[in-house]
Amino acid sequence: MIGPPPKGPRERVVLAERRGARRVRTRVEVAEQTEIGAALIGGLIRAQLGLALSCALVMALLLAALPLLFRVTAVAETVVLGIRLPWLILGGAAYPLLWLTGRIYVRLAERNEHDFLELTRD
């Protein structure tokens, strides 16, 4: 039989008294390659893979749309500065678009890594 609860002051139970104790534990989980650490690293890898696939998909769609654009007679026969417009688009727009997509990818990949490090930093 359980008696009535004691009449003392209430005590608050806290998971971790020290500030940052969870971060230290997270770093240990990753360093020791435990199941939780493997899940954290797997999450980072999945985030990076998803980012890479999405950037690749956007570029594939944009570059695959170029031949469709060139089939339009108004675009295909337009001449600018003595050069046909499709060649200007290929040389003047495709490469900067690839460069810009690469820069965006690197920036977002670094952000993913930074967020992961913030999770494990002391």
Protein backbone atom coordinates (compact mmCIF):
# COMPACT_ATOMS: atom_id res chain seq x y z
CA MET A 1 0.00 0.00 0.00
CA ILE A 2 1.33 3.39 -0.97
CA GLY A 3 1.01 6.14 1.53
CA PRO A 4 0.36 9.83 0.95
CA PRO A 5 3.14 11.82 -0.73
CA PRO A 6 5.60 13.60 1.57
CA LYS A 7 4.71 17.19 2.49
CA GLY A 8 8.13 18.71 1.69
CA PRO A 9 8.91 21.35 -0.92
CA ARG A 10 8.64 20.26 -4.53
CA GLU A 11 11.88 19.43 -6.28
CA ARG A 12 12.37 20.03 -9.96
CA VAL A 13 14.02 17.16 -11.82
CA VAL A 14 16.19 18.27 -14.74
CA LEU A 15 17.69 16.00 -17.38
CA ALA A 16 21.06 17.75 -17.40
CA GLU A 17 22.12 20.33 -14.86
CA ARG A 18 25.14 21.53 -16.82
CA ARG A 19 24.63 23.79 -19.75
CA GLY A 20 25.92 22.17 -22.93
CA ALA A 21 25.89 18.64 -21.52
CA ARG A 22 23.76 17.44 -24.43
CA ARG A 23 26.20 18.84 -26.99
CA VAL A 24 29.13 17.11 -25.36
CA ARG A 25 27.20 13.86 -25.36
CA THR A 26 26.34 14.33 -29.04
CA ARG A 27 30.01 14.81 -29.89
CA VAL A 28 30.88 11.65 -27.97
CA GLU A 29 28.17 9.75 -29.84
CA VAL A 30 29.64 10.82 -33.18
CA ALA A 31 33.27 10.23 -32.15
CA GLU A 32 32.59 6.77 -30.76
CA GLN A 33 30.49 5.88 -33.80
CA THR A 34 27.59 4.68 -31.72
CA GLU A 35 24.15 4.03 -33.14
CA ILE A 36 23.07 7.60 -32.42
CA GLY A 37 26.29 9.01 -33.92
CA ALA A 38 25.79 6.91 -37.03
CA ALA A 39 22.23 8.24 -37.31
CA LEU A 40 23.50 11.82 -37.03
CA ILE A 41 26.14 11.30 -39.69
CA GLY A 42 23.62 9.47 -41.86
CA GLY A 43 21.32 12.49 -41.56
CA LEU A 44 24.11 14.78 -42.75
CA ILE A 45 24.88 12.47 -45.67
CA ARG A 46 21.19 12.32 -46.64
CA ALA A 47 20.93 16.12 -46.46
CA GLN A 48 23.99 16.53 -48.68
CA LEU A 49 22.73 13.90 -51.13
CA GLY A 50 19.31 15.53 -51.32
CA LEU A 51 20.91 18.89 -51.99
CA ALA A 52 23.15 17.46 -54.71
CA LEU A 53 20.27 15.64 -56.40
CA SER A 54 18.02 18.69 -56.31
CA CYS A 55 20.72 20.93 -57.82
CA ALA A 56 21.44 18.31 -60.48
CA LEU A 57 17.74 18.00 -61.29
CA VAL A 58 17.31 21.75 -61.67
CA MET A 59 20.33 21.96 -63.97
CA ALA A 60 19.19 18.96 -66.01
CA LEU A 61 15.76 20.49 -66.50
CA LEU A 62 17.17 23.87 -67.48
CA LEU A 63 19.71 22.43 -69.90
CA ALA A 64 17.18 19.98 -71.34
CA ALA A 65 14.84 22.89 -72.03
CA LEU A 66 17.41 24.61 -74.26
CA PRO A 67 16.84 22.40 -77.33
CA LEU A 68 13.11 23.05 -76.99
CA LEU A 69 13.82 26.76 -76.89
CA PHE A 70 16.01 26.48 -79.98
CA ARG A 71 13.19 24.78 -81.89
CA VAL A 72 11.23 28.04 -81.74
CA THR A 73 11.81 29.68 -85.09
CA ALA A 74 11.97 33.21 -83.68
CA VAL A 75 14.81 32.24 -81.36
CA ALA A 76 16.64 29.96 -83.79
CA GLU A 77 16.86 32.54 -86.56
CA THR A 78 17.55 35.66 -84.52
CA VAL A 79 21.01 37.11 -85.08
CA VAL A 80 22.67 39.34 -82.49
CA LEU A 81 26.02 40.98 -83.28
CA GLY A 82 26.45 38.62 -86.21
CA ILE A 83 25.99 35.50 -84.07
CA ARG A 84 22.89 33.35 -83.94
CA LEU A 85 21.00 33.61 -80.64
CA PRO A 86 21.22 29.88 -79.74
CA TRP A 87 25.02 30.10 -79.77
CA LEU A 88 24.93 33.20 -77.58
CA ILE A 89 22.61 31.46 -75.15
CA LEU A 90 24.85 28.38 -75.02
CA GLY A 91 28.05 30.35 -74.60
CA GLY A 92 26.80 33.35 -72.69
CA ALA A 93 24.05 32.01 -70.47
CA ALA A 94 24.65 28.30 -69.92
CA TYR A 95 28.09 28.61 -68.35
CA PRO A 96 27.20 31.41 -65.95
CA LEU A 97 24.11 29.41 -65.00
CA LEU A 98 26.30 26.37 -64.25
CA TRP A 99 28.66 28.54 -62.22
CA LEU A 100 25.81 30.10 -60.25
CA THR A 101 24.29 26.72 -59.50
CA GLY A 102 27.68 25.48 -58.30
CA ARG A 103 28.07 28.49 -56.01
CA ILE A 104 24.60 27.98 -54.56
CA TYR A 105 25.31 24.28 -54.03
CA VAL A 106 28.58 24.98 -52.20
CA ARG A 107 26.92 27.60 -50.02
CA LEU A 108 24.05 25.30 -49.02
CA ALA A 109 26.38 22.31 -48.50
CA GLU A 110 28.55 24.41 -46.19
CA ARG A 111 25.43 25.49 -44.31
CA ASN A 112 24.47 21.83 -43.82
CA GLU A 113 27.95 21.09 -42.48
CA HIS A 114 27.88 24.15 -40.23
CA ASP A 115 24.53 23.09 -38.77
CA PHE A 116 25.92 19.62 -38.12
CA LEU A 117 29.00 21.06 -36.41
CA GLU A 118 26.83 23.37 -34.30
CA LEU A 119 24.96 20.30 -33.12
CA THR A 120 28.18 18.63 -31.98
CA ARG A 121 30.22 21.64 -30.86
CA ASP A 122 31.04 22.09 -27.15
